[in-house]
Every structure is written in C-alpha cells, then in structure tokens.
Amino acid sequence: MEQNRFTDREPAQSDNFFNYVETPHAGKIKVFCHHLRIRNRTPAQPVTNCRVWLVKILDENDRGAFDETFKFAVPRLMAWAPREYSPDVRSFSEDQVFDFGRSFVEQGGRFEIGVYELQGGMFKGDCLPGQKRQYVFRITADNHVRARPITVELAVERCEPTEDWPYRTCTRVGVKS
C-alpha cells in the first residue's frame, strides 16, 4: 500500500483578525481569509512543483447527502499564499499554505473560493448563506505519483450576533478526508 506524502488535517492555528480587499464598486471590504496547509510527511525528500487542483464541488441535498450539481470540465488551479510570489506552483520540504477562499461577513456572508485568477474562464464556485458544500481537491507534484482526493466541507450558517461575533453569518470549514 502506497503511503500518501501529504497530510491535510485541521489547522493547528488560525487568524483572529480580518483582512481588507479593494473592490471597484464598494471600496475597501472586510473579509476573513481561509487557508489550508499542505504538509509533506517525508520532509527529507522535498516536494517539487506542487499544485492544488479543485476537481469537484458537491452540494448538500434535502436528505443530507452530497450530489455533484455543480459540474466543470477543467479542474481549477488553487493559488498558494501569499500570492505575491509563485501563486500557481511551489516546491517545499515541510509545508505550504494555499488560499482556500474568503468570507464576506458584512456583505451577506458569501464565501468566495480562492482559485488562481490567471487560469481564465468564468468560474463561480461560491457558497452562499444557508448552503453547505464539499470541495474536492487533488494535490499533484512532479515527484509524487498518485494524488488521492481530499474533501473539505464548508457551511455558511446563519447565526445570532454576539459580542464575540457581531455578524449574522459564520463560515465553518472542516477537512473530511
């Protein structure tokens, strides 16, 4: 049995602050960025030219199961963080972080997936409030033979504002496999 070189479990840390993005229509908007860490289980052998591909999006149906209602023919390349250098491909020994997406908590709670913009095409894989989606990824590298699917479940839930979280939506992210 081949051991997978990558692990993708829950993050050991998280940000506790918002970021701001500049938009042409609304100016600066407050967002909460979501990132996922890719770890190399064999750091003595660096990962060469690693890419993360979004291959499928599954939506929760009325029975609580997930169906592939959102289909796209070409896998979407995800962007590494920070995007300022080598956003599409990275080589590393221990770990790297890619941009999973961002939540617009003050603009209705929409989650926007962080695909690599220069790939082109019209792609809208956002998750809206009240919706639960599973994003299925494959991680490839020049020196890694087989990529198993990794499923990340995301739910944008309506919630009651509190002193700690004064917004009407919150985004929950969990790695399923």
C-alpha atoms as a PDB file:
ATOM      1  CA  MET A   1       0.000   0.000   0.000  1.00  0.00           C
ATOM      2  CA  GLU A   2       1.430   3.353  -1.019  1.00  0.00           C
ATOM      3  CA  GLN A   3       1.612   5.948   1.728  1.00  0.00           C
ATOM      4  CA  ASN A   4       0.425   9.413   0.778  1.00  0.00           C
ATOM      5  CA  ARG A   5       3.132  12.046   1.227  1.00  0.00           C
ATOM      6  CA  PHE A   6       0.661  14.783   2.086  1.00  0.00           C
ATOM      7  CA  THR A   7      -1.468  15.343   5.131  1.00  0.00           C
ATOM      8  CA  ASP A   8      -4.266  17.877   5.254  1.00  0.00           C
ATOM      9  CA  ARG A   9      -5.887  17.769   8.689  1.00  0.00           C
ATOM     10  CA  GLU A  10      -7.347  20.632  10.692  1.00  0.00           C
ATOM     11  CA  PRO A  11      -5.082  23.656  11.034  1.00  0.00           C
ATOM     12  CA  ALA A  12      -3.127  23.996  14.271  1.00  0.00           C
ATOM     13  CA  GLN A  13      -3.679  27.743  14.262  1.00  0.00           C
ATOM     14  CA  SER A  14      -5.940  30.371  12.808  1.00  0.00           C
ATOM     15  CA  ASP A  15      -6.033  34.113  12.301  1.00  0.00           C
ATOM     16  CA  ASN A  16      -8.045  36.190  14.688  1.00  0.00           C
ATOM     17  CA  PHE A  17      -8.260  39.292  12.531  1.00  0.00           C
ATOM     18  CA  PHE A  18      -9.919  40.454   9.338  1.00  0.00           C
ATOM     19  CA  ASN A  19      -8.254  41.448   6.099  1.00  0.00           C
ATOM     20  CA  TYR A  20      -9.381  44.091   3.643  1.00  0.00           C
ATOM     21  CA  VAL A  21      -9.754  43.798  -0.123  1.00  0.00           C
ATOM     22  CA  GLU A  22     -10.188  46.683  -2.519  1.00  0.00           C
ATOM     23  CA  THR A  23     -13.189  46.395  -4.840  1.00  0.00           C
ATOM     24  CA  PRO A  24     -14.074  48.672  -7.758  1.00  0.00           C
ATOM     25  CA  HIS A  25     -17.657  49.299  -6.593  1.00  0.00           C
ATOM     26  CA  ALA A  26     -17.630  49.189  -2.794  1.00  0.00           C
ATOM     27  CA  GLY A  27     -14.090  50.312  -1.949  1.00  0.00           C
ATOM     28  CA  LYS A  28     -12.409  48.501   0.958  1.00  0.00           C
ATOM     29  CA  ILE A  29     -14.346  45.474   2.159  1.00  0.00           C
ATOM     30  CA  LYS A  30     -13.693  43.480   5.321  1.00  0.00           C
ATOM     31  CA  VAL A  31     -13.075  39.765   4.660  1.00  0.00           C
ATOM     32  CA  PHE A  32     -11.985  36.781   6.677  1.00  0.00           C
ATOM     33  CA  CYS A  33      -9.439  34.683   4.745  1.00  0.00           C
ATOM     34  CA  HIS A  34      -9.423  30.888   4.960  1.00  0.00           C
ATOM     35  CA  HIS A  35      -6.243  28.932   4.250  1.00  0.00           C
ATOM     36  CA  LEU A  36      -5.376  25.238   4.226  1.00  0.00           C
ATOM     37  CA  ARG A  37      -1.922  23.853   4.976  1.00  0.00           C
ATOM     38  CA  ILE A  38      -0.343  21.101   2.890  1.00  0.00           C
ATOM     39  CA  ARG A  39       2.255  19.091   4.835  1.00  0.00           C
ATOM     40  CA  ASN A  40       4.943  16.864   3.393  1.00  0.00           C
ATOM     41  CA  ARG A  41       5.141  13.695   5.514  1.00  0.00           C
ATOM     42  CA  THR A  42       8.635  12.986   4.160  1.00  0.00           C
ATOM     43  CA  PRO A  43      10.476  16.318   4.618  1.00  0.00           C
ATOM     44  CA  ALA A  44      13.837  14.706   3.779  1.00  0.00           C
ATOM     45  CA  GLN A  45      12.534  14.485   0.198  1.00  0.00           C
ATOM     46  CA  PRO A  46      11.250  17.947  -0.856  1.00  0.00           C
ATOM     47  CA  VAL A  47       8.041  18.214  -2.873  1.00  0.00           C
ATOM     48  CA  THR A  48       8.785  19.572  -6.343  1.00  0.00           C
ATOM     49  CA  ASN A  49       6.385  21.797  -8.287  1.00  0.00           C
ATOM     50  CA  CYS A  50       3.326  21.121  -6.150  1.00  0.00           C
ATOM     51  CA  ARG A  51      -0.109  22.230  -7.328  1.00  0.00           C
ATOM     52  CA  VAL A  52      -3.525  22.016  -5.690  1.00  0.00           C
ATOM     53  CA  TRP A  53      -6.438  21.346  -8.051  1.00  0.00           C
ATOM     54  CA  LEU A  54     -10.147  21.784  -7.336  1.00  0.00           C
ATOM     55  CA  VAL A  55     -11.684  18.836  -9.206  1.00  0.00           C
ATOM     56  CA  LYS A  56     -15.268  18.703  -7.944  1.00  0.00           C
ATOM     57  CA  ILE A  57     -17.888  20.625  -5.964  1.00  0.00           C
ATOM     58  CA  LEU A  58     -20.686  18.749  -4.200  1.00  0.00           C
ATOM     59  CA  ASP A  59     -23.824  20.394  -2.801  1.00  0.00           C
ATOM     60  CA  GLU A  60     -25.850  19.069   0.120  1.00  0.00           C
ATOM     61  CA  ASN A  61     -29.304  17.853  -0.924  1.00  0.00           C
ATOM     62  CA  ASP A  62     -32.551  17.686   1.120  1.00  0.00           C
ATOM     63  CA  ARG A  63     -31.596  14.260   2.543  1.00  0.00           C
ATOM     64  CA  GLY A  64     -28.232  15.495   3.883  1.00  0.00           C
ATOM     65  CA  ALA A  65     -26.209  13.658   1.213  1.00  0.00           C
ATOM     66  CA  PHE A  66     -23.924  15.431  -1.256  1.00  0.00           C
ATOM     67  CA  ASP A  67     -24.524  15.482  -5.028  1.00  0.00           C
ATOM     68  CA  GLU A  68     -22.411  16.844  -7.858  1.00  0.00           C
ATOM     69  CA  THR A  69     -24.838  19.506  -9.050  1.00  0.00           C
ATOM     70  CA  PHE A  70     -22.061  21.951  -9.928  1.00  0.00           C
ATOM     71  CA  LYS A  71     -20.024  20.469 -12.821  1.00  0.00           C
ATOM     72  CA  PHE A  72     -16.983  21.850 -14.597  1.00  0.00           C
ATOM     73  CA  ALA A  73     -14.879  20.147 -17.269  1.00  0.00           C
ATOM     74  CA  VAL A  74     -11.456  21.528 -16.366  1.00  0.00           C
ATOM     75  CA  PRO A  75     -10.024  21.306 -12.821  1.00  0.00           C
ATOM     76  CA  ARG A  76      -9.409  24.719 -11.259  1.00  0.00           C
ATOM     77  CA  LEU A  77      -5.930  25.530 -10.020  1.00  0.00           C
ATOM     78  CA  MET A  78      -5.796  26.965  -6.494  1.00  0.00           C
ATOM     79  CA  ALA A  79      -3.454  29.828  -5.538  1.00  0.00           C
ATOM     80  CA  TRP A  80      -0.726  29.497  -2.931  1.00  0.00           C
ATOM     81  CA  ALA A  81      -0.442  32.037  -0.127  1.00  0.00           C
ATOM     82  CA  PRO A  82       0.929  34.595  -0.244  1.00  0.00           C
ATOM     83  CA  ARG A  83       0.014  35.182  -3.877  1.00  0.00           C
ATOM     84  CA  GLU A  84       2.767  37.758  -4.402  1.00  0.00           C
ATOM     85  CA  TYR A  85       5.293  35.103  -5.399  1.00  0.00           C
ATOM     86  CA  SER A  86       4.787  31.822  -7.229  1.00  0.00           C
ATOM     87  CA  PRO A  87       0.987  31.704  -6.809  1.00  0.00           C
ATOM     88  CA  ASP A  88       0.435  28.643  -9.027  1.00  0.00           C
ATOM     89  CA  VAL A  89       3.238  26.208  -8.089  1.00  0.00           C
ATOM     90  CA  ARG A  90       5.509  25.680  -5.055  1.00  0.00           C
ATOM     91  CA  SER A  91       8.362  23.408  -4.052  1.00  0.00           C
ATOM     92  CA  PHE A  92       8.870  22.793  -0.331  1.00  0.00           C
ATOM     93  CA  SER A  93      10.266  20.461   2.313  1.00  0.00           C
ATOM     94  CA  GLU A  94       7.876  20.770   5.240  1.00  0.00           C
ATOM     95  CA  ASP A  95       4.643  22.603   4.408  1.00  0.00           C
ATOM     96  CA  GLN A  96       2.940  25.347   2.429  1.00  0.00           C
ATOM     97  CA  VAL A  97      -0.404  27.139   2.689  1.00  0.00           C
ATOM     98  CA  PHE A  98      -2.891  27.722  -0.115  1.00  0.00           C
ATOM     99  CA  ASP A  99      -5.764  30.208  -0.273  1.00  0.00           C
ATOM    100  CA  PHE A 100      -8.966  28.252   0.256  1.00  0.00           C
ATOM    101  CA  GLY A 101     -11.082  31.387  -0.013  1.00  0.00           C
ATOM    102  CA  ARG A 102     -12.597  34.289   1.879  1.00  0.00           C
ATOM    103  CA  SER A 103     -15.825  35.154   3.666  1.00  0.00           C
ATOM    104  CA  PHE A 104     -17.558  38.483   3.159  1.00  0.00           C
ATOM    105  CA  VAL A 105     -19.168  38.662   6.603  1.00  0.00           C
ATOM    106  CA  GLU A 106     -20.556  42.198   6.262  1.00  0.00           C
ATOM    107  CA  GLN A 107     -21.927  41.655   2.739  1.00  0.00           C
ATOM    108  CA  GLY A 108     -24.343  38.798   3.401  1.00  0.00           C
ATOM    109  CA  GLY A 109     -21.810  36.118   4.377  1.00  0.00           C
ATOM    110  CA  ARG A 110     -20.924  34.794   0.933  1.00  0.00           C
ATOM    111  CA  PHE A 111     -17.816  32.568   0.742  1.00  0.00           C
ATOM    112  CA  GLU A 112     -15.659  33.030  -2.372  1.00  0.00           C
ATOM    113  CA  ILE A 113     -13.341  30.153  -3.318  1.00  0.00           C
ATOM    114  CA  GLY A 114      -9.712  31.201  -3.941  1.00  0.00           C
ATOM    115  CA  VAL A 115      -8.976  29.812  -7.414  1.00  0.00           C
ATOM    116  CA  TYR A 116      -5.981  31.031  -9.428  1.00  0.00           C
ATOM    117  CA  GLU A 117      -7.285  34.008 -11.448  1.00  0.00           C
ATOM    118  CA  LEU A 118      -4.921  33.673 -14.413  1.00  0.00           C
ATOM    119  CA  GLN A 119      -6.322  30.263 -15.367  1.00  0.00           C
ATOM    120  CA  GLY A 120      -9.135  32.078 -17.156  1.00  0.00           C
ATOM    121  CA  GLY A 121     -12.754  31.246 -17.785  1.00  0.00           C
ATOM    122  CA  MET A 122     -15.920  32.125 -15.910  1.00  0.00           C
ATOM    123  CA  PHE A 123     -15.928  30.148 -12.685  1.00  0.00           C
ATOM    124  CA  LYS A 124     -18.284  30.772  -9.771  1.00  0.00           C
ATOM    125  CA  GLY A 125     -17.863  28.199  -7.012  1.00  0.00           C
ATOM    126  CA  ASP A 126     -19.064  30.416  -4.171  1.00  0.00           C
ATOM    127  CA  CYS A 127     -21.012  29.159  -1.177  1.00  0.00           C
ATOM    128  CA  LEU A 128     -23.985  31.255  -0.052  1.00  0.00           C
ATOM    129  CA  PRO A 129     -25.596  31.569   3.401  1.00  0.00           C
ATOM    130  CA  GLY A 130     -27.688  28.523   4.266  1.00  0.00           C
ATOM    131  CA  GLN A 131     -25.700  26.361   1.861  1.00  0.00           C
ATOM    132  CA  LYS A 132     -23.292  23.503   2.614  1.00  0.00           C
ATOM    133  CA  ARG A 133     -20.720  22.420   0.027  1.00  0.00           C
ATOM    134  CA  GLN A 134     -17.895  19.944  -0.264  1.00  0.00           C
ATOM    135  CA  TYR A 135     -14.866  20.983  -2.292  1.00  0.00           C
ATOM    136  CA  VAL A 136     -12.795  18.050  -3.591  1.00  0.00           C
ATOM    137  CA  PHE A 137      -9.095  18.683  -4.252  1.00  0.00           C
ATOM    138  CA  ARG A 138      -6.188  16.732  -5.714  1.00  0.00           C
ATOM    139  CA  ILE A 139      -2.616  17.621  -4.874  1.00  0.00           C
ATOM    140  CA  THR A 140      -0.042  16.931  -7.575  1.00  0.00           C
ATOM    141  CA  ALA A 141       3.736  17.264  -7.686  1.00  0.00           C
ATOM    142  CA  ASP A 142       6.458  16.306 -10.155  1.00  0.00           C
ATOM    143  CA  ASN A 143       7.904  13.748  -7.729  1.00  0.00           C
ATOM    144  CA  HIS A 144       4.632  12.353  -6.358  1.00  0.00           C
ATOM    145  CA  VAL A 145       2.980   9.563  -8.308  1.00  0.00           C
ATOM    146  CA  ARG A 146      -0.602   9.331  -7.060  1.00  0.00           C
ATOM    147  CA  ALA A 147      -2.967  12.036  -5.824  1.00  0.00           C
ATOM    148  CA  ARG A 148      -5.892  10.950  -3.662  1.00  0.00           C
ATOM    149  CA  PRO A 149      -8.960  13.174  -3.348  1.00  0.00           C
ATOM    150  CA  ILE A 150      -9.145  15.463  -0.312  1.00  0.00           C
ATOM    151  CA  THR A 151     -12.591  16.705   0.658  1.00  0.00           C
ATOM    152  CA  VAL A 152     -13.129  19.958   2.527  1.00  0.00           C
ATOM    153  CA  GLU A 153     -16.648  20.698   3.778  1.00  0.00           C
ATOM    154  CA  LEU A 154     -17.798  24.274   4.107  1.00  0.00           C
ATOM    155  CA  ALA A 155     -21.043  25.655   5.510  1.00  0.00           C
ATOM    156  CA  VAL A 156     -22.113  29.281   5.603  1.00  0.00           C
ATOM    157  CA  GLU A 157     -24.536  29.322   8.504  1.00  0.00           C
ATOM    158  CA  ARG A 158     -26.917  31.939   9.735  1.00  0.00           C
ATOM    159  CA  CYS A 159     -26.168  32.781  13.354  1.00  0.00           C
ATOM    160  CA  GLU A 160     -27.271  35.193  16.012  1.00  0.00           C
ATOM    161  CA  PRO A 161     -24.806  38.042  16.542  1.00  0.00           C
ATOM    162  CA  THR A 162     -22.944  38.001  19.850  1.00  0.00           C
ATOM    163  CA  GLU A 163     -20.393  40.285  21.454  1.00  0.00           C
ATOM    164  CA  ASP A 164     -17.623  37.989  20.154  1.00  0.00           C
ATOM    165  CA  TRP A 165     -19.121  37.641  16.643  1.00  0.00           C
ATOM    166  CA  PRO A 166     -21.354  40.605  15.690  1.00  0.00           C
ATOM    167  CA  TYR A 167     -22.359  39.216  12.256  1.00  0.00           C
ATOM    168  CA  ARG A 168     -25.420  37.289  11.061  1.00  0.00           C
ATOM    169  CA  THR A 169     -23.437  34.562   9.264  1.00  0.00           C
ATOM    170  CA  CYS A 170     -20.428  32.428  10.139  1.00  0.00           C
ATOM    171  CA  THR A 171     -18.399  30.087   7.952  1.00  0.00           C
ATOM    172  CA  ARG A 172     -17.413  26.632   9.178  1.00  0.00           C
ATOM    173  CA  VAL A 173     -14.634  24.688   7.444  1.00  0.00           C
ATOM    174  CA  GLY A 174     -13.630  21.083   8.082  1.00  0.00           C
ATOM    175  CA  VAL A 175     -11.398  18.551   6.321  1.00  0.00           C
ATOM    176  CA  LYS A 176     -13.364  15.328   5.719  1.00  0.00           C
ATOM    177  CA  SER A 177     -10.790  13.069   4.076  1.00  0.00           C
END
